[in-house]
Amino acid sequence: MWGRVRGIGSRVAGSLRAGERTRREERPHNIFEAAAAYVSACAEDDQDRIDEAAGWVSPEALSFGVNELACRAVVALARERDESPGAVARALLGLPAA
């Protein structure tokens, strides 16, 4: 009986996800949505999501968005840590202090 209930639940959830995809596909993604999805997928090592986000915008636009996200993240961390953006960037990359 529980297998049948789970089967119904998964079909309903699948149709809801398909509806969400359809609504999202109607509106084009912008550079920053693509960059956020791409970077978070890379951080989680989710190749399917990486490929999906990479297809939302041109490679040049994605590169710009990822760069902008990196800049904003470094500045935010620098303010939070009361350090220079350069020091934070080097620390995040595991580089020795300059």
Protein backbone atom coordinates (compact mmCIF):
# COMPACT_ATOMS: atom_id res chain seq x y z
CA MET A 1 0.00 0.00 0.00
CA TRP A 2 2.76 2.49 0.91
CA GLY A 3 4.51 1.77 -2.36
CA ARG A 4 1.37 2.81 -4.20
CA VAL A 5 1.13 6.03 -2.16
CA ARG A 6 4.79 6.82 -2.85
CA GLY A 7 4.21 6.19 -6.56
CA ILE A 8 1.31 8.63 -6.65
CA GLY A 9 3.33 11.20 -4.71
CA SER A 10 6.29 10.94 -7.07
CA ARG A 11 4.03 11.34 -10.13
CA VAL A 12 2.42 14.44 -8.61
CA ALA A 13 5.82 15.89 -7.66
CA GLY A 14 7.14 15.14 -11.14
CA SER A 15 4.25 16.94 -12.80
CA LEU A 16 4.74 19.93 -10.48
CA ARG A 17 8.43 20.10 -11.40
CA ALA A 18 7.54 19.92 -15.08
CA GLY A 19 5.11 22.82 -14.58
CA GLU A 20 7.82 24.84 -12.84
CA ARG A 21 10.22 24.16 -15.72
CA THR A 22 7.63 25.28 -18.24
CA ARG A 23 7.01 28.56 -16.40
CA ARG A 24 10.76 29.17 -16.04
CA GLU A 25 11.39 28.42 -19.70
CA GLU A 26 8.84 31.05 -20.72
CA ARG A 27 10.96 33.79 -19.15
CA PRO A 28 14.58 34.03 -20.27
CA HIS A 29 17.21 33.74 -17.56
CA ASN A 30 19.45 36.68 -16.91
CA ILE A 31 23.21 36.67 -16.53
CA PHE A 32 23.15 36.79 -12.75
CA GLU A 33 20.62 33.97 -12.34
CA ALA A 34 22.77 31.83 -14.61
CA ALA A 35 25.95 32.72 -12.70
CA ALA A 36 24.37 32.00 -9.31
CA ALA A 37 23.01 28.64 -10.48
CA TYR A 38 26.28 27.74 -12.21
CA VAL A 39 28.53 28.59 -9.25
CA SER A 40 26.29 26.88 -6.69
CA ALA A 41 26.10 23.78 -8.91
CA CYS A 42 29.90 23.78 -9.23
CA ALA A 43 30.24 24.08 -5.45
CA GLU A 44 27.92 21.08 -5.05
CA ASP A 45 29.60 19.20 -7.94
CA ASP A 46 26.24 18.74 -9.70
CA GLN A 47 27.10 18.28 -13.38
CA ASP A 48 23.49 18.24 -14.56
CA ARG A 49 22.80 21.63 -13.00
CA ILE A 50 26.13 22.96 -14.26
CA ASP A 51 25.20 22.00 -17.81
CA GLU A 52 21.69 23.43 -17.44
CA ALA A 53 22.87 26.79 -16.09
CA ALA A 54 25.60 27.01 -18.72
CA GLY A 55 22.94 26.74 -21.41
CA TRP A 56 20.85 29.66 -20.12
CA VAL A 57 23.12 32.40 -21.47
CA SER A 58 26.09 32.72 -23.82
CA PRO A 59 29.51 31.63 -22.50
CA GLU A 60 30.66 35.25 -22.51
CA ALA A 61 27.64 36.37 -20.48
CA LEU A 62 28.12 33.50 -18.02
CA SER A 63 31.78 34.43 -17.61
CA PHE A 64 30.82 38.04 -16.89
CA GLY A 65 28.19 36.93 -14.37
CA VAL A 66 30.57 34.56 -12.59
CA ASN A 67 33.21 37.31 -12.43
CA GLU A 68 30.68 39.77 -10.98
CA LEU A 69 29.55 37.18 -8.42
CA ALA A 70 33.17 36.52 -7.40
CA CYS A 71 33.86 40.23 -6.99
CA ARG A 72 30.77 40.77 -4.88
CA ALA A 73 31.52 37.70 -2.74
CA VAL A 74 35.11 38.79 -2.07
CA VAL A 75 34.02 42.33 -1.17
CA ALA A 76 31.30 41.00 1.16
CA LEU A 77 33.72 38.62 2.89
CA ALA A 78 36.35 41.36 3.17
CA ARG A 79 33.87 43.65 4.90
CA GLU A 80 32.72 40.83 7.19
CA ARG A 81 36.30 39.90 8.12
CA ASP A 82 37.56 43.50 8.19
CA GLU A 83 40.33 42.57 5.75
CA SER A 84 41.32 43.78 2.30
CA PRO A 85 39.69 42.14 -0.73
CA GLY A 86 43.15 41.06 -1.89
CA ALA A 87 43.86 39.25 1.37
CA VAL A 88 40.48 37.53 1.27
CA ALA A 89 40.89 36.46 -2.37
CA ARG A 90 44.34 35.02 -1.67
CA ALA A 91 43.05 33.20 1.43
CA LEU A 92 40.12 31.71 -0.48
CA LEU A 93 42.50 30.39 -3.12
CA GLY A 94 44.94 29.05 -0.53
CA LEU A 95 47.72 31.42 -1.58
CA PRO A 96 50.27 32.84 0.86
CA ALA A 97 49.72 36.40 2.10
CA ALA A 98 51.24 39.00 -0.19
